[in-house]
C-alpha atoms as a PDB file:
ATOM      1  CA  UNK A   1      78.028 186.854  83.055  1.00  0.00           C
ATOM      2  CA  UNK A   2      78.022 186.537  79.374  1.00  0.00           C
ATOM      3  CA  UNK A   3      81.472 184.870  79.423  1.00  0.00           C
ATOM      4  CA  UNK A   4      80.381 181.753  81.313  1.00  0.00           C
ATOM      5  CA  UNK A   5      77.287 181.480  79.188  1.00  0.00           C
ATOM      6  CA  UNK A   6      79.366 181.500  76.041  1.00  0.00           C
ATOM      7  CA  UNK A   7      81.613 178.805  77.528  1.00  0.00           C
ATOM      8  CA  UNK A   8      78.649 176.566  78.176  1.00  0.00           C
ATOM      9  CA  UNK A   9      77.474 177.123  74.607  1.00  0.00           C
ATOM     10  CA  UNK A  10      80.911 176.255  73.232  1.00  0.00           C
ATOM     11  CA  UNK A  11      81.029 173.058  75.358  1.00  0.00           C
ATOM     12  CA  UNK A  12      77.560 172.098  74.218  1.00  0.00           C
ATOM     13  CA  UNK A  13      78.540 172.808  70.600  1.00  0.00           C
ATOM     14  CA  UNK A  14      81.652 170.618  70.936  1.00  0.00           C
ATOM     15  CA  UNK A  15      79.549 167.768  72.427  1.00  0.00           C
ATOM     16  CA  UNK A  16      77.072 168.103  69.570  1.00  0.00           C
ATOM     17  CA  UNK A  17      79.961 168.089  67.091  1.00  0.00           C
ATOM     18  CA  UNK A  18      81.351 164.853  68.574  1.00  0.00           C
ATOM     19  CA  UNK A  19      77.881 163.266  68.356  1.00  0.00           C
ATOM     20  CA  UNK A  20      77.619 164.445  64.760  1.00  0.00           C
ATOM     21  CA  UNK A  21      81.044 162.974  63.888  1.00  0.00           C
ATOM     22  CA  UNK A  22      80.090 159.663  65.485  1.00  0.00           C
ATOM     23  CA  UNK A  23      76.783 159.662  63.532  1.00  0.00           C
ATOM     24  CA  UNK A  24      78.623 160.404  60.274  1.00  0.00           C
ATOM     25  CA  UNK A  25      81.017 157.509  60.968  1.00  0.00           C
ATOM     26  CA  UNK A  26      78.129 155.143  61.712  1.00  0.00           C
ATOM     27  CA  UNK A  27      76.299 156.339  58.607  1.00  0.00           C
ATOM     28  CA  UNK A  28      79.477 155.875  56.546  1.00  0.00           C
ATOM     29  CA  UNK A  29      79.816 152.237  57.582  1.00  0.00           C
ATOM     30  CA  UNK A  30      76.104 151.685  56.862  1.00  0.00           C
ATOM     31  CA  UNK A  31      76.278 153.233  53.394  1.00  0.00           C
ATOM     32  CA  UNK A  32      79.563 151.581  52.481  1.00  0.00           C
ATOM     33  CA  UNK A  33      77.683 148.498  51.087  1.00  0.00           C
ATOM     34  CA  UNK A  34      75.015 150.609  49.370  1.00  0.00           C
ATOM     35  CA  UNK A  35      75.710 149.616  45.728  1.00  0.00           C
ATOM     36  CA  UNK A  36      75.248 145.940  46.543  1.00  0.00           C
ATOM     37  CA  UNK A  37      72.181 146.650  48.650  1.00  0.00           C
ATOM     38  CA  UNK A  38      70.612 148.702  45.884  1.00  0.00           C
ATOM     39  CA  UNK A  39      70.857 145.769  43.473  1.00  0.00           C
ATOM     40  CA  UNK A  40      69.566 143.323  46.118  1.00  0.00           C
ATOM     41  CA  UNK A  41      66.674 145.504  47.140  1.00  0.00           C
ATOM     42  CA  UNK A  42      65.803 146.603  43.621  1.00  0.00           C
ATOM     43  CA  UNK A  43      62.109 146.004  43.060  1.00  0.00           C
ATOM     44  CA  UNK A  44      60.901 144.430  39.884  1.00  0.00           C
ATOM     45  CA  UNK A  45      57.290 144.881  38.921  1.00  0.00           C
ATOM     46  CA  UNK A  46      55.963 141.428  38.099  1.00  0.00           C
ATOM     47  CA  UNK A  47      52.334 142.338  37.818  1.00  0.00           C
ATOM     48  CA  UNK A  48      50.171 145.361  37.861  1.00  0.00           C
ATOM     49  CA  UNK A  49      47.539 145.936  40.456  1.00  0.00           C
ATOM     50  CA  UNK A  50      44.094 146.426  39.041  1.00  0.00           C
ATOM     51  CA  UNK A  51      40.975 147.568  40.815  1.00  0.00           C
ATOM     52  CA  UNK A  52      38.651 144.913  42.245  1.00  0.00           C
ATOM     53  CA  UNK A  53      35.645 145.864  40.071  1.00  0.00           C
ATOM     54  CA  UNK A  54      37.760 145.417  36.912  1.00  0.00           C
ATOM     55  CA  UNK A  55      38.944 142.025  38.148  1.00  0.00           C
ATOM     56  CA  UNK A  56      35.382 140.949  39.003  1.00  0.00           C
ATOM     57  CA  UNK A  57      34.161 142.054  35.559  1.00  0.00           C
ATOM     58  CA  UNK A  58      36.937 140.094  33.835  1.00  0.00           C
ATOM     59  CA  UNK A  59      36.144 136.977  35.895  1.00  0.00           C
ATOM     60  CA  UNK A  60      32.436 137.263  35.071  1.00  0.00           C
ATOM     61  CA  UNK A  61      33.204 137.729  31.384  1.00  0.00           C
ATOM     62  CA  UNK A  62      35.504 134.706  31.366  1.00  0.00           C
ATOM     63  CA  UNK A  63      32.953 132.618  33.278  1.00  0.00           C
ATOM     64  CA  UNK A  64      30.222 133.612  30.806  1.00  0.00           C
ATOM     65  CA  UNK A  65      32.481 132.845  27.858  1.00  0.00           C
ATOM     66  CA  UNK A  66      33.777 129.421  28.889  1.00  0.00           C
ATOM     67  CA  UNK A  67      30.899 128.297  31.122  1.00  0.00           C
ATOM     68  CA  UNK A  68      28.807 126.797  28.302  1.00  0.00           C
ATOM     69  CA  UNK A  69      31.844 124.974  26.889  1.00  0.00           C
ATOM     70  CA  UNK A  70      32.699 123.504  30.282  1.00  0.00           C
ATOM     71  CA  UNK A  71      29.088 122.379  30.730  1.00  0.00           C
ATOM     72  CA  UNK A  72      29.128 120.850  27.236  1.00  0.00           C
ATOM     73  CA  UNK A  73      32.365 118.986  27.946  1.00  0.00           C
ATOM     74  CA  UNK A  74      31.054 117.703  31.259  1.00  0.00           C
ATOM     75  CA  UNK A  75      27.850 116.557  29.547  1.00  0.00           C
ATOM     76  CA  UNK A  76      29.887 114.761  26.870  1.00  0.00           C
ATOM     77  CA  UNK A  77      32.016 113.095  29.537  1.00  0.00           C
ATOM     78  CA  UNK A  78      28.901 111.936  31.400  1.00  0.00           C
ATOM     79  CA  UNK A  79      27.384 110.532  28.213  1.00  0.00           C
ATOM     80  CA  UNK A  80      30.628 108.762  27.343  1.00  0.00           C
ATOM     81  CA  UNK A  81      30.845 107.269  30.830  1.00  0.00           C
ATOM     82  CA  UNK A  82      27.236 106.107  30.552  1.00  0.00           C
ATOM     83  CA  UNK A  83      27.980 104.503  27.171  1.00  0.00           C
ATOM     84  CA  UNK A  84      31.055 102.781  28.572  1.00  0.00           C
ATOM     85  CA  UNK A  85      29.071 101.548  31.578  1.00  0.00           C
ATOM     86  CA  UNK A  86      26.346 100.157  29.295  1.00  0.00           C
ATOM     87  CA  UNK A  87      29.002  98.542  27.122  1.00  0.00           C
ATOM     88  CA  UNK A  88      30.617  96.911  30.144  1.00  0.00           C
ATOM     89  CA  UNK A  89      27.243  95.626  31.324  1.00  0.00           C
ATOM     90  CA  UNK A  90      26.505  94.297  27.840  1.00  0.00           C
ATOM     91  CA  UNK A  91      29.860  92.521  27.692  1.00  0.00           C
ATOM     92  CA  UNK A  92      29.341  91.045  31.155  1.00  0.00           C
ATOM     93  CA  UNK A  93      25.875  89.828  30.164  1.00  0.00           C
ATOM     94  CA  UNK A  94      27.246  88.379  26.927  1.00  0.00           C
ATOM     95  CA  UNK A  95      30.028  86.621  28.852  1.00  0.00           C
ATOM     96  CA  UNK A  96      27.480  85.143  31.281  1.00  0.00           C
ATOM     97  CA  UNK A  97      25.305  84.068  28.364  1.00  0.00           C
ATOM     98  CA  UNK A  98      28.245  82.425  26.634  1.00  0.00           C
ATOM     99  CA  UNK A  99      29.256  80.727  29.881  1.00  0.00           C
ATOM    100  CA  UNK A 100      25.731  79.379  30.225  1.00  0.00           C
ATOM    101  CA  UNK A 101      25.708  78.248  26.617  1.00  0.00           C
ATOM    102  CA  UNK A 102      29.068  76.591  27.086  1.00  0.00           C
ATOM    103  CA  UNK A 103      27.934  74.754  30.199  1.00  0.00           C
ATOM    104  CA  UNK A 104      24.717  73.662  28.428  1.00  0.00           C
ATOM    105  CA  UNK A 105      26.676  72.631  25.367  1.00  0.00           C
ATOM    106  CA  UNK A 106      29.223  70.710  27.411  1.00  0.00           C
ATOM    107  CA  UNK A 107      26.420  69.108  29.438  1.00  0.00           C
ATOM    108  CA  UNK A 108      24.624  67.946  26.267  1.00  0.00           C
ATOM    109  CA  UNK A 109      27.878  66.682  24.762  1.00  0.00           C
ATOM    110  CA  UNK A 110      28.705  64.855  27.954  1.00  0.00           C
ATOM    111  CA  UNK A 111      25.280  63.177  28.008  1.00  0.00           C
ATOM    112  CA  UNK A 112      25.605  62.164  24.373  1.00  0.00           C
ATOM    113  CA  UNK A 113      29.062  60.756  24.975  1.00  0.00           C
ATOM    114  CA  UNK A 114      27.928  58.878  28.067  1.00  0.00           C
ATOM    115  CA  UNK A 115      25.136  57.300  26.091  1.00  0.00           C
ATOM    116  CA  UNK A 116      27.413  56.411  23.208  1.00  0.00           C
ATOM    117  CA  UNK A 117      30.142  55.075  25.496  1.00  0.00           C
ATOM    118  CA  UNK A 118      27.708  53.065  27.573  1.00  0.00           C
ATOM    119  CA  UNK A 119      26.210  51.610  24.440  1.00  0.00           C
ATOM    120  CA  UNK A 120      29.578  50.683  22.921  1.00  0.00           C
ATOM    121  CA  UNK A 121      31.274  49.692  26.180  1.00  0.00           C
ATOM    122  CA  UNK A 122      34.477  51.571  25.336  1.00  0.00           C
ATOM    123  CA  UNK A 123      36.542  53.603  27.742  1.00  0.00           C
ATOM    124  CA  UNK A 124      36.477  57.422  27.766  1.00  0.00           C
ATOM    125  CA  UNK A 125      38.790  59.097  25.299  1.00  0.00           C
ATOM    126  CA  UNK A 126      39.332  62.844  25.605  1.00  0.00           C
ATOM    127  CA  UNK A 127      39.308  65.036  22.551  1.00  0.00           C
ATOM    128  CA  UNK A 128      42.682  66.491  21.707  1.00  0.00           C
ATOM    129  CA  UNK A 129      43.353  70.102  22.589  1.00  0.00           C
ATOM    130  CA  UNK A 130      40.305  70.720  24.784  1.00  0.00           C
ATOM    131  CA  UNK A 131      42.460  71.884  27.678  1.00  0.00           C
ATOM    132  CA  UNK A 132      39.512  71.920  30.083  1.00  0.00           C
ATOM    133  CA  UNK A 133      41.306  69.974  32.786  1.00  0.00           C
ATOM    134  CA  UNK A 134      37.974  68.658  34.123  1.00  0.00           C
ATOM    135  CA  UNK A 135      38.284  65.157  32.645  1.00  0.00           C
ATOM    136  CA  UNK A 136      35.167  65.547  30.514  1.00  0.00           C
ATOM    137  CA  UNK A 137      35.276  63.302  27.476  1.00  0.00           C
ATOM    138  CA  UNK A 138      35.042  65.318  24.258  1.00  0.00           C
ATOM    139  CA  UNK A 139      35.348  64.199  20.697  1.00  0.00           C
ATOM    140  CA  UNK A 140      37.399  66.247  18.234  1.00  0.00           C
ATOM    141  CA  UNK A 141      34.588  68.557  17.035  1.00  0.00           C
ATOM    142  CA  UNK A 142      33.218  69.199  20.522  1.00  0.00           C
ATOM    143  CA  UNK A 143      36.686  69.872  21.869  1.00  0.00           C
ATOM    144  CA  UNK A 144      37.296  72.370  19.102  1.00  0.00           C
ATOM    145  CA  UNK A 145      33.979  74.127  19.769  1.00  0.00           C
ATOM    146  CA  UNK A 146      34.695  74.174  23.492  1.00  0.00           C
ATOM    147  CA  UNK A 147      38.112  75.668  22.856  1.00  0.00           C
ATOM    148  CA  UNK A 148      36.591  78.381  20.628  1.00  0.00           C
ATOM    149  CA  UNK A 149      33.968  79.191  23.258  1.00  0.00           C
ATOM    150  CA  UNK A 150      36.644  79.386  25.984  1.00  0.00           C
ATOM    151  CA  UNK A 151      38.737  81.679  23.819  1.00  0.00           C
ATOM    152  CA  UNK A 152      35.730  83.912  23.252  1.00  0.00           C
ATOM    153  CA  UNK A 153      35.035  83.927  26.961  1.00  0.00           C
ATOM    154  CA  UNK A 154      38.629  84.917  27.738  1.00  0.00           C
ATOM    155  CA  UNK A 155      38.521  87.605  25.066  1.00  0.00           C
ATOM    156  CA  UNK A 156      35.307  88.979  26.550  1.00  0.00           C
ATOM    157  CA  UNK A 157      36.781  88.937  30.050  1.00  0.00           C
ATOM    158  CA  UNK A 158      39.802  90.804  28.748  1.00  0.00           C
ATOM    159  CA  UNK A 159      37.543  93.326  26.957  1.00  0.00           C
ATOM    160  CA  UNK A 160      35.509  93.895  30.121  1.00  0.00           C
ATOM    161  CA  UNK A 161      38.645  94.401  32.209  1.00  0.00           C
ATOM    162  CA  UNK A 162      40.138  96.754  29.621  1.00  0.00           C
ATOM    163  CA  UNK A 163      36.928  98.792  29.420  1.00  0.00           C
ATOM    164  CA  UNK A 164      36.676  98.966  33.203  1.00  0.00           C
ATOM    165  CA  UNK A 165      40.246 100.250  33.347  1.00  0.00           C
ATOM    166  CA  UNK A 166      39.493 102.807  30.607  1.00  0.00           C
ATOM    167  CA  UNK A 167      36.420 104.015  32.496  1.00  0.00           C
ATOM    168  CA  UNK A 168      38.413 104.285  35.714  1.00  0.00           C
ATOM    169  CA  UNK A 169      41.159 106.229  33.893  1.00  0.00           C
ATOM    170  CA  UNK A 170      38.638 108.588  32.304  1.00  0.00           C
ATOM    171  CA  UNK A 171      36.964 109.115  35.669  1.00  0.00           C
ATOM    172  CA  UNK A 172      40.359 109.991  37.207  1.00  0.00           C
ATOM    173  CA  UNK A 173      41.112 112.395  34.360  1.00  0.00           C
ATOM    174  CA  UNK A 174      37.690 114.002  34.714  1.00  0.00           C
ATOM    175  CA  UNK A 175      38.135 114.386  38.468  1.00  0.00           C
ATOM    176  CA  UNK A 176      41.563 115.955  37.929  1.00  0.00           C
ATOM    177  CA  UNK A 177      40.125 118.395  35.375  1.00  0.00           C
ATOM    178  CA  UNK A 178      37.287 119.307  37.719  1.00  0.00           C
ATOM    179  CA  UNK A 179      39.720 119.811  40.588  1.00  0.00           C
ATOM    180  CA  UNK A 180      41.842 122.114  38.414  1.00  0.00           C
ATOM    181  CA  UNK A 181      38.822 124.151  37.307  1.00  0.00           C
END
């Protein structure tokens, strides 16, 4: 009886040996590309992991250190924006005042010229270089004053527009800084 039992063992051992050879062949083909895989799968430590309490303490320290400076900068930005807003309002008011003065001045000049022209019976002659385009008769001095007032008005309009654009730009920059923080 021991002979057939040994035969079964030998057959089982041969089957196991064929499985082992097939596994070695499969493993050989899998390991054949190992040098390339080792360089591809090589891990590089980019950062170190630190415990959460250490991270929280560092964040709190940083917040305590830069918090007052951020608040100071935001306060300065608010004050600057307020100043720019007041300056814009002042320039707008000054432009309106100058426009009113100009209209009053032109109205008075027009009345004076009407009276002088009606008294003399001459036809209307426009002052040179007034450039108003409204057909108002102006003598040389009045036309020059009107031109100066118009130039001031245009300069003030330009200043108001420039300041409004600066305020808008600073507001955008402030919003971007706040979004980044």
